[in-house]
Amino acid sequence: MRVFWYLMHESFGITIFLLVITRVTWRFAHPPPPLPGAEPRGLRLLASGTRWLLCAVLLVMPVTCYLMAGNSQPVPFFFVNLPGLPKNDPLGALANTIRFYCQFVVYALVILHVAGTVWHVAIRRDGRLDRMLPSQRPEG
């Protein structure tokens, strides 16, 4: 059963990598509408920086996992094996260290993101979340 969860972990990591690439590509092709209201510059930078750093970390983590898992063996991706990389112990150790620290960056960024959502929804009540969600109004 442990092997199954390892295979799922690897497969979902690669899937997240592909989804983040798709998301970043989409964002460059379709910029978001301007933010409503007069938001302080520092908050705009914090929000934008948090989003882009989260994307960057979610790209780095699967790459480091691939470097660790593909160390002279195939890397599982659901029902397909992707080719591994030639054995390189120093590179695998570096990838392991980078991935270890990236997990804490992800934790911090998710906490910041959730805190920002709570701040906009419960404290400021500025409708920022409504801007991101699909319209809830009935058609016609």
N, C-alpha and C. Protein backbone atom coordinates (compact mmCIF):
# COMPACT_ATOMS: atom_id res chain seq x y z
N MET A 1 0.83 -1.20 0.00
CA MET A 1 0.00 0.00 0.00
C MET A 1 0.87 1.26 0.00
N ARG A 2 2.01 1.18 0.63
CA ARG A 2 2.92 2.33 0.69
C ARG A 2 3.42 2.70 -0.72
N VAL A 3 3.67 1.68 -1.54
CA VAL A 3 4.13 1.93 -2.91
C VAL A 3 3.05 2.67 -3.70
N PHE A 4 1.79 2.29 -3.49
CA PHE A 4 0.68 2.96 -4.17
C PHE A 4 0.68 4.44 -3.86
N TRP A 5 0.80 4.80 -2.59
CA TRP A 5 0.77 6.21 -2.19
C TRP A 5 1.99 6.96 -2.72
N TYR A 6 3.12 6.30 -2.81
CA TYR A 6 4.30 6.92 -3.40
C TYR A 6 4.06 7.20 -4.88
N LEU A 7 3.49 6.23 -5.59
CA LEU A 7 3.19 6.43 -7.01
C LEU A 7 2.19 7.56 -7.21
N MET A 8 1.19 7.65 -6.34
CA MET A 8 0.21 8.73 -6.44
C MET A 8 0.86 10.08 -6.14
N HIS A 9 1.75 10.11 -5.15
CA HIS A 9 2.46 11.34 -4.79
C HIS A 9 3.26 11.85 -6.00
N GLU A 10 4.00 10.96 -6.63
CA GLU A 10 4.79 11.34 -7.81
C GLU A 10 3.88 11.81 -8.94
N SER A 11 2.81 11.08 -9.18
CA SER A 11 1.90 11.41 -10.28
C SER A 11 1.20 12.74 -10.05
N PHE A 12 0.73 12.97 -8.85
CA PHE A 12 0.06 14.24 -8.55
C PHE A 12 1.04 15.40 -8.59
N GLY A 13 2.27 15.18 -8.20
CA GLY A 13 3.29 16.22 -8.29
C GLY A 13 3.52 16.66 -9.73
N ILE A 14 3.62 15.69 -10.63
CA ILE A 14 3.81 16.01 -12.05
C ILE A 14 2.56 16.69 -12.59
N THR A 15 1.38 16.24 -12.16
CA THR A 15 0.13 16.87 -12.59
C THR A 15 0.07 18.32 -12.14
N ILE A 16 0.44 18.59 -10.89
CA ILE A 16 0.46 19.97 -10.39
C ILE A 16 1.43 20.81 -11.21
N PHE A 17 2.58 20.26 -11.53
CA PHE A 17 3.56 20.96 -12.36
C PHE A 17 2.92 21.37 -13.69
N LEU A 18 2.24 20.44 -14.35
CA LEU A 18 1.60 20.72 -15.64
C LEU A 18 0.48 21.74 -15.50
N LEU A 19 -0.30 21.65 -14.42
CA LEU A 19 -1.38 22.60 -14.19
C LEU A 19 -0.84 24.01 -13.92
N VAL A 20 0.24 24.12 -13.17
CA VAL A 20 0.81 25.44 -12.89
C VAL A 20 1.38 26.05 -14.18
N ILE A 21 2.03 25.25 -15.01
CA ILE A 21 2.51 25.76 -16.29
C ILE A 21 1.33 26.28 -17.12
N THR A 22 0.24 25.53 -17.14
CA THR A 22 -0.95 25.95 -17.86
C THR A 22 -1.50 27.24 -17.29
N ARG A 23 -1.56 27.33 -15.98
CA ARG A 23 -2.09 28.53 -15.30
C ARG A 23 -1.24 29.76 -15.59
N VAL A 24 0.07 29.63 -15.50
CA VAL A 24 0.96 30.76 -15.75
C VAL A 24 0.86 31.19 -17.22
N THR A 25 0.81 30.23 -18.13
CA THR A 25 0.66 30.55 -19.55
C THR A 25 -0.65 31.28 -19.80
N TRP A 26 -1.72 30.80 -19.18
CA TRP A 26 -3.03 31.43 -19.32
C TRP A 26 -3.00 32.86 -18.77
N ARG A 27 -2.35 33.05 -17.65
CA ARG A 27 -2.30 34.37 -17.02
C ARG A 27 -1.54 35.37 -17.89
N PHE A 28 -0.47 34.93 -18.55
CA PHE A 28 0.25 35.82 -19.45
C PHE A 28 -0.59 36.18 -20.67
N ALA A 29 -1.36 35.24 -21.16
CA ALA A 29 -2.19 35.48 -22.35
C ALA A 29 -3.47 36.24 -22.00
N HIS A 30 -3.96 36.11 -20.77
CA HIS A 30 -5.21 36.74 -20.34
C HIS A 30 -4.99 37.47 -19.02
N PRO A 31 -4.47 38.68 -19.06
CA PRO A 31 -4.23 39.40 -17.80
C PRO A 31 -5.53 39.67 -17.05
N PRO A 32 -5.46 39.70 -15.72
CA PRO A 32 -6.68 39.93 -14.95
C PRO A 32 -7.15 41.38 -15.11
N PRO A 33 -8.44 41.63 -14.84
CA PRO A 33 -8.92 43.02 -14.89
C PRO A 33 -8.25 43.82 -13.78
N PRO A 34 -8.17 45.12 -13.92
CA PRO A 34 -7.55 45.94 -12.88
C PRO A 34 -8.30 45.79 -11.55
N LEU A 35 -7.54 45.90 -10.47
CA LEU A 35 -8.16 45.80 -9.15
C LEU A 35 -9.06 47.00 -8.90
N PRO A 36 -10.25 46.76 -8.34
CA PRO A 36 -11.14 47.88 -8.05
C PRO A 36 -10.66 48.65 -6.81
N GLY A 37 -11.02 49.90 -6.75
CA GLY A 37 -10.72 50.69 -5.56
C GLY A 37 -9.26 51.07 -5.45
N ALA A 38 -9.00 51.85 -4.43
CA ALA A 38 -7.64 52.33 -4.18
C ALA A 38 -6.97 51.45 -3.13
N GLU A 39 -6.36 50.39 -3.59
CA GLU A 39 -5.63 49.46 -2.71
C GLU A 39 -4.23 50.02 -2.52
N PRO A 40 -3.73 50.06 -1.29
CA PRO A 40 -2.37 50.54 -1.08
C PRO A 40 -1.35 49.72 -1.88
N ARG A 41 -0.32 50.39 -2.36
CA ARG A 41 0.68 49.75 -3.22
C ARG A 41 1.32 48.54 -2.53
N GLY A 42 1.59 48.65 -1.24
CA GLY A 42 2.20 47.54 -0.50
C GLY A 42 1.34 46.29 -0.51
N LEU A 43 0.03 46.46 -0.37
CA LEU A 43 -0.87 45.32 -0.39
C LEU A 43 -0.96 44.70 -1.78
N ARG A 44 -0.93 45.55 -2.80
CA ARG A 44 -0.93 45.03 -4.18
C ARG A 44 0.32 44.20 -4.43
N LEU A 45 1.47 44.71 -3.98
CA LEU A 45 2.72 43.98 -4.16
C LEU A 45 2.72 42.68 -3.38
N LEU A 46 2.19 42.71 -2.16
CA LEU A 46 2.12 41.50 -1.34
C LEU A 46 1.24 40.45 -2.00
N ALA A 47 0.09 40.85 -2.50
CA ALA A 47 -0.83 39.91 -3.15
C ALA A 47 -0.21 39.33 -4.42
N SER A 48 0.35 40.19 -5.24
CA SER A 48 0.95 39.73 -6.49
C SER A 48 2.18 38.85 -6.22
N GLY A 49 3.01 39.29 -5.29
CA GLY A 49 4.21 38.52 -4.94
C GLY A 49 3.87 37.16 -4.39
N THR A 50 2.84 37.09 -3.55
CA THR A 50 2.43 35.81 -2.97
C THR A 50 1.96 34.86 -4.06
N ARG A 51 1.15 35.36 -4.98
CA ARG A 51 0.65 34.50 -6.07
C ARG A 51 1.79 33.98 -6.94
N TRP A 52 2.67 34.87 -7.37
CA TRP A 52 3.74 34.46 -8.27
C TRP A 52 4.77 33.58 -7.57
N LEU A 53 5.05 33.86 -6.30
CA LEU A 53 5.99 33.01 -5.56
C LEU A 53 5.40 31.62 -5.35
N LEU A 54 4.09 31.55 -5.10
CA LEU A 54 3.45 30.24 -4.96
C LEU A 54 3.55 29.46 -6.27
N CYS A 55 3.33 30.12 -7.39
CA CYS A 55 3.49 29.45 -8.69
C CYS A 55 4.92 28.97 -8.87
N ALA A 56 5.89 29.82 -8.53
CA ALA A 56 7.30 29.45 -8.69
C ALA A 56 7.65 28.24 -7.84
N VAL A 57 7.22 28.23 -6.58
CA VAL A 57 7.53 27.11 -5.70
C VAL A 57 6.85 25.84 -6.17
N LEU A 58 5.61 25.98 -6.68
CA LEU A 58 4.90 24.80 -7.18
C LEU A 58 5.48 24.29 -8.49
N LEU A 59 6.33 25.06 -9.13
CA LEU A 59 7.09 24.56 -10.28
C LEU A 59 8.42 23.94 -9.84
N VAL A 60 9.05 24.54 -8.86
CA VAL A 60 10.35 24.06 -8.38
C VAL A 60 10.21 22.70 -7.68
N MET A 61 9.18 22.54 -6.88
CA MET A 61 9.06 21.30 -6.09
C MET A 61 8.96 20.04 -6.96
N PRO A 62 8.11 20.00 -7.99
CA PRO A 62 8.09 18.78 -8.82
C PRO A 62 9.41 18.55 -9.56
N VAL A 63 10.08 19.63 -9.96
CA VAL A 63 11.36 19.46 -10.64
C VAL A 63 12.37 18.82 -9.68
N THR A 64 12.42 19.29 -8.45
CA THR A 64 13.36 18.70 -7.49
C THR A 64 12.98 17.26 -7.18
N CYS A 65 11.70 16.96 -7.13
CA CYS A 65 11.27 15.57 -6.91
C CYS A 65 11.70 14.70 -8.07
N TYR A 66 11.56 15.22 -9.28
CA TYR A 66 11.98 14.45 -10.46
C TYR A 66 13.47 14.18 -10.40
N LEU A 67 14.25 15.17 -9.98
CA LEU A 67 15.69 14.99 -9.85
C LEU A 67 16.02 13.93 -8.80
N MET A 68 15.23 13.88 -7.73
CA MET A 68 15.47 12.88 -6.67
C MET A 68 14.96 11.50 -7.10
N ALA A 69 13.73 11.44 -7.59
CA ALA A 69 13.11 10.15 -7.91
C ALA A 69 13.69 9.55 -9.19
N GLY A 70 14.10 10.39 -10.12
CA GLY A 70 14.59 9.91 -11.40
C GLY A 70 16.08 9.65 -11.39
N ASN A 71 16.64 9.43 -10.22
CA ASN A 71 18.07 9.20 -10.08
C ASN A 71 18.41 7.78 -10.54
N SER A 72 18.53 7.59 -11.84
CA SER A 72 18.85 6.33 -12.53
C SER A 72 17.69 5.33 -12.54
N GLN A 73 16.48 5.80 -12.37
CA GLN A 73 15.32 4.90 -12.45
C GLN A 73 14.14 5.67 -13.06
N PRO A 74 13.18 4.96 -13.64
CA PRO A 74 12.03 5.66 -14.23
C PRO A 74 11.18 6.34 -13.15
N VAL A 75 10.49 7.40 -13.57
CA VAL A 75 9.62 8.15 -12.66
C VAL A 75 8.17 7.83 -13.01
N PRO A 76 7.39 7.34 -12.03
CA PRO A 76 6.00 6.96 -12.33
C PRO A 76 5.11 8.18 -12.53
N PHE A 77 4.28 8.10 -13.57
CA PHE A 77 3.25 9.11 -13.82
C PHE A 77 1.98 8.36 -14.16
N PHE A 78 1.19 8.08 -13.12
CA PHE A 78 0.01 7.24 -13.20
C PHE A 78 0.38 5.90 -13.82
N PHE A 79 -0.04 5.61 -15.06
CA PHE A 79 0.21 4.28 -15.61
C PHE A 79 1.35 4.26 -16.62
N VAL A 80 2.16 5.32 -16.61
CA VAL A 80 3.27 5.46 -17.54
C VAL A 80 4.54 5.71 -16.73
N ASN A 81 5.64 5.18 -17.20
CA ASN A 81 6.92 5.49 -16.58
C ASN A 81 7.66 6.51 -17.44
N LEU A 82 7.99 7.66 -16.83
CA LEU A 82 8.78 8.67 -17.52
C LEU A 82 10.25 8.32 -17.34
N PRO A 83 11.08 8.69 -18.30
CA PRO A 83 12.50 8.33 -18.19
C PRO A 83 13.17 9.03 -17.01
N GLY A 84 14.02 8.29 -16.34
CA GLY A 84 14.78 8.87 -15.24
C GLY A 84 16.01 9.57 -15.76
N LEU A 85 16.75 10.15 -14.86
CA LEU A 85 17.99 10.85 -15.20
C LEU A 85 19.18 10.00 -14.79
N PRO A 86 20.34 10.24 -15.36
CA PRO A 86 21.52 9.50 -14.92
C PRO A 86 21.79 9.75 -13.44
N LYS A 87 22.34 8.76 -12.77
CA LYS A 87 22.60 8.87 -11.34
C LYS A 87 23.57 10.01 -11.06
N ASN A 88 23.19 10.87 -10.13
CA ASN A 88 24.01 12.01 -9.75
C ASN A 88 23.70 12.32 -8.29
N ASP A 89 24.43 11.70 -7.37
CA ASP A 89 24.14 11.84 -5.94
C ASP A 89 24.21 13.28 -5.44
N PRO A 90 25.21 14.09 -5.82
CA PRO A 90 25.22 15.47 -5.33
C PRO A 90 24.00 16.27 -5.80
N LEU A 91 23.58 16.05 -7.05
CA LEU A 91 22.40 16.75 -7.55
C LEU A 91 21.14 16.28 -6.81
N GLY A 92 21.03 14.99 -6.55
CA GLY A 92 19.90 14.46 -5.79
C GLY A 92 19.85 15.03 -4.38
N ALA A 93 21.02 15.16 -3.75
CA ALA A 93 21.08 15.73 -2.39
C ALA A 93 20.69 17.20 -2.40
N LEU A 94 21.15 17.95 -3.40
CA LEU A 94 20.79 19.36 -3.53
C LEU A 94 19.28 19.50 -3.76
N ALA A 95 18.74 18.67 -4.64
CA ALA A 95 17.30 18.70 -4.91
C ALA A 95 16.50 18.39 -3.65
N ASN A 96 16.97 17.44 -2.85
CA ASN A 96 16.30 17.09 -1.60
C ASN A 96 16.29 18.28 -0.64
N THR A 97 17.41 18.97 -0.54
CA THR A 97 17.50 20.13 0.35
C THR A 97 16.57 21.25 -0.12
N ILE A 98 16.59 21.53 -1.43
CA ILE A 98 15.72 22.58 -1.97
C ILE A 98 14.26 22.24 -1.72
N ARG A 99 13.89 21.00 -1.98
CA ARG A 99 12.50 20.58 -1.78
C ARG A 99 12.09 20.68 -0.31
N PHE A 100 13.00 20.32 0.59
CA PHE A 100 12.71 20.39 2.02
C PHE A 100 12.35 21.82 2.42
N TYR A 101 13.12 22.79 1.97
CA TYR A 101 12.85 24.18 2.34
C TYR A 101 11.64 24.75 1.59
N CYS A 102 11.43 24.29 0.37
CA CYS A 102 10.27 24.76 -0.40
C CYS A 102 8.95 24.40 0.28
N GLN A 103 8.91 23.26 0.97
CA GLN A 103 7.64 22.89 1.61
C GLN A 103 7.24 23.92 2.65
N PHE A 104 8.20 24.50 3.36
CA PHE A 104 7.87 25.52 4.36
C PHE A 104 7.46 26.83 3.71
N VAL A 105 8.04 27.12 2.55
CA VAL A 105 7.62 28.30 1.80
C VAL A 105 6.17 28.12 1.35
N VAL A 106 5.81 26.93 0.89
CA VAL A 106 4.43 26.66 0.48
C VAL A 106 3.49 26.84 1.67
N TYR A 107 3.85 26.30 2.83
CA TYR A 107 3.00 26.46 4.02
C TYR A 107 2.77 27.93 4.32
N ALA A 108 3.85 28.71 4.31
CA ALA A 108 3.74 30.14 4.64
C ALA A 108 2.89 30.87 3.60
N LEU A 109 3.08 30.56 2.33
CA LEU A 109 2.31 31.24 1.29
C LEU A 109 0.83 30.87 1.33
N VAL A 110 0.53 29.63 1.62
CA VAL A 110 -0.88 29.23 1.74
C VAL A 110 -1.52 29.94 2.94
N ILE A 111 -0.80 30.03 4.04
CA ILE A 111 -1.32 30.75 5.22
C ILE A 111 -1.55 32.22 4.88
N LEU A 112 -0.60 32.85 4.18
CA LEU A 112 -0.76 34.24 3.76
C LEU A 112 -1.97 34.40 2.83
N HIS A 113 -2.13 33.48 1.91
CA HIS A 113 -3.24 33.53 0.96
C HIS A 113 -4.58 33.41 1.68
N VAL A 114 -4.68 32.46 2.60
CA VAL A 114 -5.91 32.29 3.37
C VAL A 114 -6.16 33.50 4.25
N ALA A 115 -5.10 34.03 4.89
CA ALA A 115 -5.25 35.23 5.72
C ALA A 115 -5.74 36.41 4.89
N GLY A 116 -5.23 36.55 3.67
CA GLY A 116 -5.70 37.61 2.79
C GLY A 116 -7.17 37.44 2.43
N THR A 117 -7.57 36.21 2.20
CA THR A 117 -8.99 35.95 1.90
C THR A 117 -9.87 36.30 3.08
N VAL A 118 -9.48 35.87 4.27
CA VAL A 118 -10.25 36.19 5.48
C VAL A 118 -10.31 37.70 5.67
N TRP A 119 -9.20 38.38 5.45
CA TRP A 119 -9.15 39.83 5.63
C TRP A 119 -10.12 40.53 4.69
N HIS A 120 -10.14 40.10 3.41
CA HIS A 120 -11.05 40.74 2.45
C HIS A 120 -12.51 40.37 2.69
N VAL A 121 -12.78 39.12 3.10
CA VAL A 121 -14.17 38.67 3.26
C VAL A 121 -14.75 39.09 4.60
N ALA A 122 -14.02 38.86 5.68
CA ALA A 122 -14.60 39.06 7.02
C ALA A 122 -14.31 40.44 7.61
N ILE A 123 -13.19 41.05 7.26
CA ILE A 123 -12.82 42.31 7.89
C ILE A 123 -13.17 43.49 6.98
N ARG A 124 -12.63 43.50 5.76
CA ARG A 124 -12.88 44.63 4.86
C ARG A 124 -14.23 44.55 4.17
N ARG A 125 -14.69 43.34 3.92
CA ARG A 125 -15.97 43.12 3.21
C ARG A 125 -16.05 43.95 1.94
N ASP A 126 -14.99 43.85 1.13
CA ASP A 126 -14.89 44.68 -0.06
C ASP A 126 -15.29 43.98 -1.35
N GLY A 127 -15.81 42.77 -1.25
CA GLY A 127 -16.28 42.06 -2.44
C GLY A 127 -15.17 41.48 -3.30
N ARG A 128 -13.96 41.45 -2.79
CA ARG A 128 -12.83 40.96 -3.59
C ARG A 128 -13.01 39.49 -3.95
N LEU A 129 -13.54 38.69 -3.04
CA LEU A 129 -13.74 37.27 -3.33
C LEU A 129 -14.80 37.09 -4.42
N ASP A 130 -15.84 37.93 -4.40
CA ASP A 130 -16.89 37.84 -5.43
C ASP A 130 -16.31 38.07 -6.82
N ARG A 131 -15.27 38.88 -6.92
CA ARG A 131 -14.63 39.17 -8.20
C ARG A 131 -13.95 37.93 -8.77
N MET A 132 -13.53 37.01 -7.90
CA MET A 132 -12.80 35.82 -8.34
C MET A 132 -13.71 34.63 -8.61
N LEU A 133 -14.89 34.62 -8.04
CA LEU A 133 -15.80 33.48 -8.18
C LEU A 133 -16.75 33.67 -9.35
N PRO A 134 -17.25 32.56 -9.91
CA PRO A 134 -18.26 32.68 -10.97
C PRO A 134 -19.50 33.39 -10.45
N SER A 135 -20.19 34.07 -11.33
CA SER A 135 -21.39 34.82 -10.95
C SER A 135 -22.44 33.86 -10.37
N GLN A 136 -23.08 34.28 -9.28
CA GLN A 136 -24.10 33.48 -8.63
C GLN A 136 -25.50 33.96 -8.98
N ARG A 137 -25.59 34.94 -9.86
CA ARG A 137 -26.89 35.49 -10.25
C ARG A 137 -27.53 34.60 -11.31
N PRO A 138 -28.85 34.36 -11.18
CA PRO A 138 -29.52 33.54 -12.20
C PRO A 138 -29.55 34.28 -13.54
N GLU A 139 -29.40 33.53 -14.62
CA GLU A 139 -29.43 34.10 -15.97
C GLU A 139 -30.85 34.52 -16.34
N GLY A 140 -30.97 35.60 -17.10
CA GLY A 140 -32.21 36.04 -17.73
C GLY A 140 -33.22 36.52 -16.83
